[in-house]
C-alpha atoms as a PDB file:
ATOM      1  CA  MET A   1      -2.570  10.794  11.933  1.00  0.00           C
ATOM      2  CA  ASN A   2      -2.214   8.666  15.062  1.00  0.00           C
ATOM      3  CA  GLU A   3      -0.120   5.569  14.517  1.00  0.00           C
ATOM      4  CA  TYR A   4      -1.515   3.988  17.687  1.00  0.00           C
ATOM      5  CA  MET A   5      -4.731   2.108  17.048  1.00  0.00           C
ATOM      6  CA  MET A   6      -5.690   0.714  20.465  1.00  0.00           C
ATOM      7  CA  SER A   7      -9.411   1.438  20.698  1.00  0.00           C
ATOM      8  CA  PRO A   8     -11.695   1.411  23.752  1.00  0.00           C
ATOM      9  CA  VAL A   9     -12.899  -1.961  22.509  1.00  0.00           C
ATOM     10  CA  GLY A  10      -9.335  -3.256  22.551  1.00  0.00           C
ATOM     11  CA  VAL A  11      -8.802  -1.931  26.078  1.00  0.00           C
ATOM     12  CA  VAL A  12     -11.927  -3.765  27.253  1.00  0.00           C
ATOM     13  CA  VAL A  13     -10.777  -6.982  25.576  1.00  0.00           C
ATOM     14  CA  ILE A  14      -7.365  -6.674  27.265  1.00  0.00           C
ATOM     15  CA  ALA A  15      -9.017  -5.965  30.618  1.00  0.00           C
ATOM     16  CA  VAL A  16     -11.101  -9.143  30.341  1.00  0.00           C
ATOM     17  CA  TYR A  17      -8.056 -11.094  29.180  1.00  0.00           C
ATOM     18  CA  SER A  18      -6.014  -9.749  32.109  1.00  0.00           C
ATOM     19  CA  PHE A  19      -8.757 -10.628  34.589  1.00  0.00           C
ATOM     20  CA  VAL A  20      -8.855 -14.201  33.292  1.00  0.00           C
ATOM     21  CA  ILE A  21      -5.060 -14.516  33.545  1.00  0.00           C
ATOM     22  CA  LEU A  22      -5.100 -13.233  37.125  1.00  0.00           C
ATOM     23  CA  MET A  23      -7.905 -15.623  38.085  1.00  0.00           C
ATOM     24  CA  ILE A  24      -5.979 -18.540  36.609  1.00  0.00           C
ATOM     25  CA  ALA A  25      -2.869 -17.436  38.498  1.00  0.00           C
ATOM     26  CA  LEU A  26      -4.862 -17.209  41.719  1.00  0.00           C
ATOM     27  CA  PHE A  27      -6.257 -20.693  41.107  1.00  0.00           C
ATOM     28  CA  PHE A  28      -2.780 -22.170  40.627  1.00  0.00           C
ATOM     29  CA  SER A  29      -1.471 -20.302  43.650  1.00  0.00           C
ATOM     30  CA  ARG A  30      -4.047 -22.077  45.784  1.00  0.00           C
ATOM     31  CA  LEU A  31      -3.139 -25.430  44.271  1.00  0.00           C
ATOM     32  CA  ILE A  32       0.460 -24.927  45.334  1.00  0.00           C
ATOM     33  CA  SER A  33      -0.286 -22.944  48.488  1.00  0.00           C
ATOM     34  CA  SER A  34       2.092 -25.140  50.452  1.00  0.00           C
ATOM     35  CA  LEU A  35       5.033 -23.738  48.473  1.00  0.00           C
ATOM     36  CA  ARG A  36       6.561 -20.638  50.055  1.00  0.00           C
ATOM     37  CA  TRP A  37       7.935 -19.454  46.729  1.00  0.00           C
ATOM     38  CA  ARG A  38       4.737 -19.995  44.729  1.00  0.00           C
ATOM     39  CA  TRP A  39       4.413 -16.345  43.707  1.00  0.00           C
ATOM     40  CA  GLY A  40       8.047 -16.277  42.688  1.00  0.00           C
ATOM     41  CA  LEU A  41       7.178 -19.146  40.364  1.00  0.00           C
ATOM     42  CA  LEU A  42       3.930 -17.659  39.055  1.00  0.00           C
ATOM     43  CA  THR A  43       4.829 -13.977  38.727  1.00  0.00           C
ATOM     44  CA  PRO A  44       7.181 -14.161  35.674  1.00  0.00           C
ATOM     45  CA  PRO A  45       4.755 -16.045  33.369  1.00  0.00           C
ATOM     46  CA  VAL A  46       1.825 -13.930  34.580  1.00  0.00           C
ATOM     47  CA  PHE A  47       3.771 -10.729  33.894  1.00  0.00           C
ATOM     48  CA  VAL A  48       4.685 -11.948  30.400  1.00  0.00           C
ATOM     49  CA  LEU A  49       1.093 -12.918  29.589  1.00  0.00           C
ATOM     50  CA  LEU A  50      -0.260  -9.585  30.860  1.00  0.00           C
ATOM     51  CA  SER A  51       2.325  -7.663  28.846  1.00  0.00           C
ATOM     52  CA  LEU A  52       1.799  -9.454  25.524  1.00  0.00           C
ATOM     53  CA  PRO A  53      -1.173  -7.378  24.207  1.00  0.00           C
ATOM     54  CA  TRP A  54       0.523  -4.072  25.027  1.00  0.00           C
ATOM     55  CA  ALA A  55       3.841  -5.284  23.654  1.00  0.00           C
ATOM     56  CA  GLU A  56       2.139  -6.277  20.390  1.00  0.00           C
ATOM     57  CA  GLU A  57       0.602  -2.828  19.945  1.00  0.00           C
ATOM     58  CA  ALA A  58       3.881  -1.103  20.818  1.00  0.00           C
ATOM     59  CA  TRP A  59       5.786  -3.284  18.325  1.00  0.00           C
ATOM     60  CA  ILE A  60       3.318  -2.625  15.507  1.00  0.00           C
ATOM     61  CA  ALA A  61       3.119   1.108  16.216  1.00  0.00           C
ATOM     62  CA  TRP A  62       6.892   1.586  16.411  1.00  0.00           C
ATOM     63  CA  HIS A  63       7.608  -0.334  13.215  1.00  0.00           C
ATOM     64  CA  PHE A  64       4.766   1.464  11.428  1.00  0.00           C
ATOM     65  CA  THR A  65       6.237   4.815  12.471  1.00  0.00           C
ATOM     66  CA  GLU A  66       9.698   3.799  11.280  1.00  0.00           C
ATOM     67  CA  ALA A  67       8.368   2.444   7.961  1.00  0.00           C
ATOM     68  CA  CYS A  68       6.383   5.603   7.303  1.00  0.00           C
ATOM     69  CA  LYS A  69       9.570   7.674   7.312  1.00  0.00           C
ATOM     70  CA  ASP A  70      10.102   6.261   3.808  1.00  0.00           C
ATOM     71  CA  ALA A  71       6.530   6.874   2.643  1.00  0.00           C
ATOM     72  CA  GLY A  72       5.501   9.348  -0.012  1.00  0.00           C
ATOM     73  CA  ILE A  73       6.453  10.551  -3.479  1.00  0.00           C
ATOM     74  CA  HIS A  74      10.150  10.187  -4.353  1.00  0.00           C
ATOM     75  CA  VAL A  75      11.306  11.602  -7.703  1.00  0.00           C
ATOM     76  CA  TYR A  76      14.845  10.790  -8.839  1.00  0.00           C
ATOM     77  CA  ARG A  77      14.744  12.004 -12.418  1.00  0.00           C
ATOM     78  CA  LYS A  78      12.193  13.596 -14.723  1.00  0.00           C
ATOM     79  CA  VAL A  79      11.958  13.092 -18.452  1.00  0.00           C
ATOM     80  CA  VAL A  80       9.843  14.567 -21.240  1.00  0.00           C
ATOM     81  CA  VAL A  81       7.891  11.902 -23.117  1.00  0.00           C
ATOM     82  CA  GLU A  82       5.099  11.449 -25.629  1.00  0.00           C
ATOM     83  CA  GLY A  83       3.702   8.385 -23.889  1.00  0.00           C
ATOM     84  CA  TYR A  84       4.317   5.605 -21.392  1.00  0.00           C
ATOM     85  CA  VAL A  85       3.409   2.021 -20.505  1.00  0.00           C
ATOM     86  CA  ASP A  86       0.809   1.363 -17.804  1.00  0.00           C
ATOM     87  CA  ASP A  87       1.519  -2.045 -16.261  1.00  0.00           C
ATOM     88  CA  LEU A  88      -0.545  -1.879 -13.087  1.00  0.00           C
ATOM     89  CA  SER A  89      -3.015  -4.527 -14.242  1.00  0.00           C
ATOM     90  CA  ARG A  90      -3.084  -6.709 -17.312  1.00  0.00           C
ATOM     91  CA  ALA A  91      -6.259  -7.480 -19.270  1.00  0.00           C
ATOM     92  CA  PRO A  92      -6.823 -10.360 -21.712  1.00  0.00           C
ATOM     93  CA  ARG A  93      -6.046  -9.618 -25.355  1.00  0.00           C
ATOM     94  CA  ALA A  94      -9.410 -11.055 -26.430  1.00  0.00           C
ATOM     95  CA  ASP A  95     -11.272  -8.358 -24.481  1.00  0.00           C
ATOM     96  CA  GLN A  96      -9.635  -5.449 -26.322  1.00  0.00           C
ATOM     97  CA  LYS A  97     -11.226  -3.461 -29.131  1.00  0.00           C
ATOM     98  CA  THR A  98      -9.134  -1.882 -31.860  1.00  0.00           C
ATOM     99  CA  GLY A  99      -9.653   0.878 -34.391  1.00  0.00           C
ATOM    100  CA  LEU A 100     -11.238   4.235 -33.737  1.00  0.00           C
ATOM    101  CA  LEU A 101     -12.509   3.981 -30.167  1.00  0.00           C
ATOM    102  CA  TYR A 102     -13.405   7.537 -29.192  1.00  0.00           C
ATOM    103  CA  PHE A 103     -14.103  10.648 -31.194  1.00  0.00           C
ATOM    104  CA  ASP A 104     -16.656  12.480 -29.040  1.00  0.00           C
ATOM    105  CA  HIS A 105     -15.704  15.840 -27.601  1.00  0.00           C
ATOM    106  CA  GLN A 106     -15.619  14.786 -23.921  1.00  0.00           C
ATOM    107  CA  SER A 107     -13.413  11.731 -24.473  1.00  0.00           C
ATOM    108  CA  LEU A 108     -10.978  13.718 -26.585  1.00  0.00           C
ATOM    109  CA  ALA A 109     -10.903  16.558 -24.068  1.00  0.00           C
ATOM    110  CA  ASP A 110     -10.163  14.136 -21.220  1.00  0.00           C
ATOM    111  CA  PHE A 111      -7.375  12.458 -23.170  1.00  0.00           C
ATOM    112  CA  ASP A 112      -5.863  15.756 -24.278  1.00  0.00           C
ATOM    113  CA  LYS A 113      -5.969  17.128 -20.736  1.00  0.00           C
ATOM    114  CA  ARG A 114      -3.499  14.482 -19.637  1.00  0.00           C
ATOM    115  CA  GLY A 115      -1.057  15.743 -22.243  1.00  0.00           C
ATOM    116  CA  TYR A 116       0.357  12.493 -23.579  1.00  0.00           C
ATOM    117  CA  ARG A 117       0.110  11.577 -27.234  1.00  0.00           C
ATOM    118  CA  PHE A 118      -0.302   7.890 -26.425  1.00  0.00           C
ATOM    119  CA  GLN A 119      -0.628   5.375 -23.628  1.00  0.00           C
ATOM    120  CA  GLU A 120       0.121   1.660 -23.711  1.00  0.00           C
ATOM    121  CA  ASN A 121      -1.589  -0.850 -21.434  1.00  0.00           C
ATOM    122  CA  MET A 122       0.141  -4.168 -20.917  1.00  0.00           C
ATOM    123  CA  LEU A 123      -1.847  -7.314 -21.724  1.00  0.00           C
ATOM    124  CA  GLN A 124      -1.706 -10.699 -20.040  1.00  0.00           C
ATOM    125  CA  ASP A 125       0.190 -12.314 -22.921  1.00  0.00           C
ATOM    126  CA  GLY A 126       2.920  -9.657 -22.983  1.00  0.00           C
ATOM    127  CA  GLY A 127       1.432  -7.593 -25.798  1.00  0.00           C
ATOM    128  CA  VAL A 128       0.109  -4.053 -25.365  1.00  0.00           C
ATOM    129  CA  LEU A 129      -2.988  -2.072 -26.205  1.00  0.00           C
ATOM    130  CA  HIS A 130      -1.650   1.113 -27.797  1.00  0.00           C
ATOM    131  CA  LEU A 131      -4.012   4.084 -27.462  1.00  0.00           C
ATOM    132  CA  GLU A 132      -2.973   7.059 -29.574  1.00  0.00           C
ATOM    133  CA  ARG A 133      -4.444  10.507 -30.122  1.00  0.00           C
ATOM    134  CA  ARG A 134      -4.839  11.239 -33.803  1.00  0.00           C
ATOM    135  CA  SER A 135      -6.731  13.859 -35.761  1.00  0.00           C
ATOM    136  CA  GLU A 136      -9.759  11.595 -36.176  1.00  0.00           C
ATOM    137  CA  GLY A 137      -9.877  10.620 -32.496  1.00  0.00           C
ATOM    138  CA  ILE A 138      -8.345   8.036 -30.186  1.00  0.00           C
ATOM    139  CA  VAL A 139      -7.197   4.985 -32.108  1.00  0.00           C
ATOM    140  CA  ALA A 140      -6.374   1.627 -30.537  1.00  0.00           C
ATOM    141  CA  GLN A 141      -4.137  -1.100 -31.894  1.00  0.00           C
ATOM    142  CA  ILE A 142      -2.500  -4.207 -30.499  1.00  0.00           C
ATOM    143  CA  LEU A 143       1.296  -4.331 -30.478  1.00  0.00           C
ATOM    144  CA  GLU A 144       3.373  -7.376 -29.668  1.00  0.00           C
ATOM    145  CA  HIS A 145       5.805  -5.349 -27.565  1.00  0.00           C
ATOM    146  CA  PRO A 146       5.686  -1.937 -25.854  1.00  0.00           C
ATOM    147  CA  SER A 147       7.002   0.975 -27.884  1.00  0.00           C
ATOM    148  CA  ALA A 148       7.320   3.309 -24.887  1.00  0.00           C
ATOM    149  CA  ARG A 149      10.546   3.262 -22.921  1.00  0.00           C
ATOM    150  CA  TYR A 150       9.194   4.200 -19.521  1.00  0.00           C
ATOM    151  CA  HIS A 151       6.980   1.811 -17.557  1.00  0.00           C
ATOM    152  CA  PHE A 152       4.612   2.552 -14.700  1.00  0.00           C
ATOM    153  CA  ARG A 153       4.076  -0.505 -12.489  1.00  0.00           C
ATOM    154  CA  TYR A 154       4.096  -1.977  -8.998  1.00  0.00           C
ATOM    155  CA  SER A 155       7.528  -2.595  -7.523  1.00  0.00           C
ATOM    156  CA  ASP A 156       6.310  -6.067  -6.524  1.00  0.00           C
ATOM    157  CA  PRO A 157       3.784  -8.109  -8.558  1.00  0.00           C
ATOM    158  CA  ARG A 158       1.924  -8.934  -5.326  1.00  0.00           C
ATOM    159  CA  GLN A 159       1.056  -5.213  -5.043  1.00  0.00           C
ATOM    160  CA  GLU A 160       0.787  -5.293  -1.253  1.00  0.00           C
ATOM    161  CA  VAL A 161       3.708  -6.989   0.495  1.00  0.00           C
ATOM    162  CA  ARG A 162       3.832  -7.981   4.149  1.00  0.00           C
ATOM    163  CA  ILE A 163       6.830  -6.371   5.861  1.00  0.00           C
ATOM    164  CA  GLY A 164       6.080  -7.372   9.448  1.00  0.00           C
ATOM    165  CA  ARG A 165       3.295  -8.281  11.809  1.00  0.00           C
ATOM    166  CA  LYS A 166       0.159  -6.367  10.780  1.00  0.00           C
ATOM    167  CA  LEU A 167       2.200  -4.230   8.360  1.00  0.00           C
ATOM    168  CA  GLU A 168       2.086  -4.048   4.561  1.00  0.00           C
ATOM    169  CA  LYS A 169       3.910  -2.049   1.925  1.00  0.00           C
ATOM    170  CA  SER A 170       2.480  -0.952  -1.422  1.00  0.00           C
ATOM    171  CA  GLU A 171       4.670   0.821  -3.954  1.00  0.00           C
ATOM    172  CA  THR A 172       4.258   2.014  -7.538  1.00  0.00           C
ATOM    173  CA  ILE A 173       7.298   2.967  -9.571  1.00  0.00           C
ATOM    174  CA  VAL A 174       8.398   4.370 -12.914  1.00  0.00           C
ATOM    175  CA  VAL A 175      11.356   2.580 -14.485  1.00  0.00           C
ATOM    176  CA  ASP A 176      13.439   2.996 -17.616  1.00  0.00           C
ATOM    177  CA  SER A 177      12.942  -0.320 -19.432  1.00  0.00           C
ATOM    178  CA  VAL A 178      16.228   0.154 -21.334  1.00  0.00           C
ATOM    179  CA  THR A 179      18.601   0.860 -18.451  1.00  0.00           C
ATOM    180  CA  GLY A 180      16.541  -0.418 -15.523  1.00  0.00           C
ATOM    181  CA  GLU A 181      16.882   2.965 -13.810  1.00  0.00           C
ATOM    182  CA  LEU A 182      14.349   3.772 -11.116  1.00  0.00           C
ATOM    183  CA  MET A 183      12.910   7.173 -12.054  1.00  0.00           C
ATOM    184  CA  GLY A 184      10.533   7.623  -9.149  1.00  0.00           C
ATOM    185  CA  ARG A 185       8.413   5.787  -6.615  1.00  0.00           C
ATOM    186  CA  ASP A 186       5.263   6.275  -4.571  1.00  0.00           C
ATOM    187  CA  THR A 187       5.548   4.287  -1.334  1.00  0.00           C
ATOM    188  CA  ARG A 188       2.679   3.633   1.058  1.00  0.00           C
ATOM    189  CA  PHE A 189       2.320   1.571   4.205  1.00  0.00           C
ATOM    190  CA  ASN A 190      -0.704  -0.030   5.849  1.00  0.00           C
ATOM    191  CA  ARG A 191      -1.079  -1.199   9.419  1.00  0.00           C
ATOM    192  CA  TYR A 192      -3.885  -3.358  10.758  1.00  0.00           C
ATOM    193  CA  PRO A 193      -5.371  -3.603  14.271  1.00  0.00           C
ATOM    194  CA  ASN A 194      -3.644  -5.495  17.041  1.00  0.00           C
ATOM    195  CA  LEU A 195      -5.178  -8.811  18.056  1.00  0.00           C
ATOM    196  CA  ALA A 196      -7.233  -7.320  20.886  1.00  0.00           C
ATOM    197  CA  ASP A 197      -8.952  -4.866  18.542  1.00  0.00           C
ATOM    198  CA  GLU A 198      -9.186  -7.338  15.707  1.00  0.00           C
ATOM    199  CA  LEU A 199     -11.203  -9.815  17.760  1.00  0.00           C
ATOM    200  CA  LEU A 200     -14.244  -7.521  17.701  1.00  0.00           C
ATOM    201  CA  LEU A 201     -13.540  -4.764  15.194  1.00  0.00           C
ATOM    202  CA  GLY A 202     -12.751  -7.406  12.572  1.00  0.00           C
ATOM    203  CA  LEU A 203     -16.427  -8.305  12.572  1.00  0.00           C
ATOM    204  CA  PHE A 204     -17.091  -5.004  10.800  1.00  0.00           C
ATOM    205  CA  GLY A 205     -14.618  -5.693   7.995  1.00  0.00           C
ATOM    206  CA  GLN A 206     -10.912  -5.230   7.419  1.00  0.00           C
ATOM    207  CA  MET A 207      -9.690  -2.095   9.188  1.00  0.00           C
ATOM    208  CA  GLN A 208      -6.425  -0.350   8.485  1.00  0.00           C
ATOM    209  CA  THR A 209      -4.476   2.863   8.830  1.00  0.00           C
ATOM    210  CA  ARG A 210      -2.425   4.082   5.869  1.00  0.00           C
ATOM    211  CA  CYS A 211       0.475   6.480   5.620  1.00  0.00           C
ATOM    212  CA  GLU A 212       1.264   8.070   2.271  1.00  0.00           C
ATOM    213  CA  ALA A 213       3.875  10.451   3.689  1.00  0.00           C
ATOM    214  CA  PRO A 214       6.046  10.543   6.833  1.00  0.00           C
ATOM    215  CA  LEU A 215       3.957  10.750   9.986  1.00  0.00           C
ATOM    216  CA  ASP A 216       5.838  13.808  11.235  1.00  0.00           C
ATOM    217  CA  GLN A 217       4.595  15.879   8.318  1.00  0.00           C
ATOM    218  CA  PRO A 218       1.669  17.964   9.607  1.00  0.00           C
ATOM    219  CA  GLN A 219       0.039  17.862   6.198  1.00  0.00           C
ATOM    220  CA  SER A 220       1.021  15.916   3.113  1.00  0.00           C
ATOM    221  CA  PRO A 221       1.409  17.952  -0.085  1.00  0.00           C
ATOM    222  CA  LYS A 222      -1.572  17.695  -2.377  1.00  0.00           C
ATOM    223  CA  ARG A 223      -1.015  14.876  -4.837  1.00  0.00           C
ATOM    224  CA  ILE A 224      -1.258  15.586  -8.537  1.00  0.00           C
ATOM    225  CA  GLY A 225      -1.946  11.956  -9.396  1.00  0.00           C
ATOM    226  CA  GLN A 226       0.047   8.757  -9.737  1.00  0.00           C
ATOM    227  CA  ILE A 227       3.840   8.788  -9.609  1.00  0.00           C
ATOM    228  CA  TYR A 228       4.158   8.860 -13.401  1.00  0.00           C
ATOM    229  CA  ARG A 229       2.607  12.352 -13.403  1.00  0.00           C
ATOM    230  CA  TYR A 230       5.614  13.580 -11.385  1.00  0.00           C
ATOM    231  CA  VAL A 231       8.240  11.803 -13.476  1.00  0.00           C
ATOM    232  CA  LEU A 232       6.951  11.610 -17.058  1.00  0.00           C
ATOM    233  CA  ILE A 233       6.325  15.123 -18.306  1.00  0.00           C
ATOM    234  CA  PRO A 234       4.122  15.284 -21.426  1.00  0.00           C
ATOM    235  CA  ARG A 235       6.008  16.793 -24.340  1.00  0.00           C
ATOM    236  CA  ASN A 236       3.481  19.571 -24.850  1.00  0.00           C
ATOM    237  CA  GLU A 237       4.138  20.624 -21.241  1.00  0.00           C
ATOM    238  CA  GLY A 238       7.888  20.129 -21.285  1.00  0.00           C
END
């Protein structure tokens, strides 16, 4: 993956921008043509203005490269569990159905394939929807508090956090709700186009480059799913 995003469109935009700056400098040089040191006065600001677009891209690219050194799956401790809490997004309690939800073969096979006996989804009011595999099928009930110890969630409620110009960080984690221990994390970084590219490419929608592993890795290991799959081992597999 190339961390540099300057496109041919961006180069053209910078070329036009540079031409305009030079024409303005030439105009002012004629206004003060009587001054012997006019170019000594004009050269520093012109140089700064011409350098700004390239400096912006270099700054973004360097910081993106540095940030991506911390990207990827990081497992600190594994634990065998029967279930876990999913707190990525919270739904209203009123929208949840309880009782026997699924008993058809495909739904049961999909649930069983994951290996966990139950899963709990956090609700907006702090309660949880508890989904449990039983002999008759998958049964749902509302609990006032999670029963599972280990929680899968974003490290920051904002999900994507700005860490610098045109740079964002997104991270999901598994934590021990009893001790607060960080069990594992999946860290990703996004970078967006520099201003020169954004002026035109932005017309086609938000564009970004993402790193899910350090950029110096020729090929990221194949992911087996979200970070909880690396940390929370289903009991029937452990």
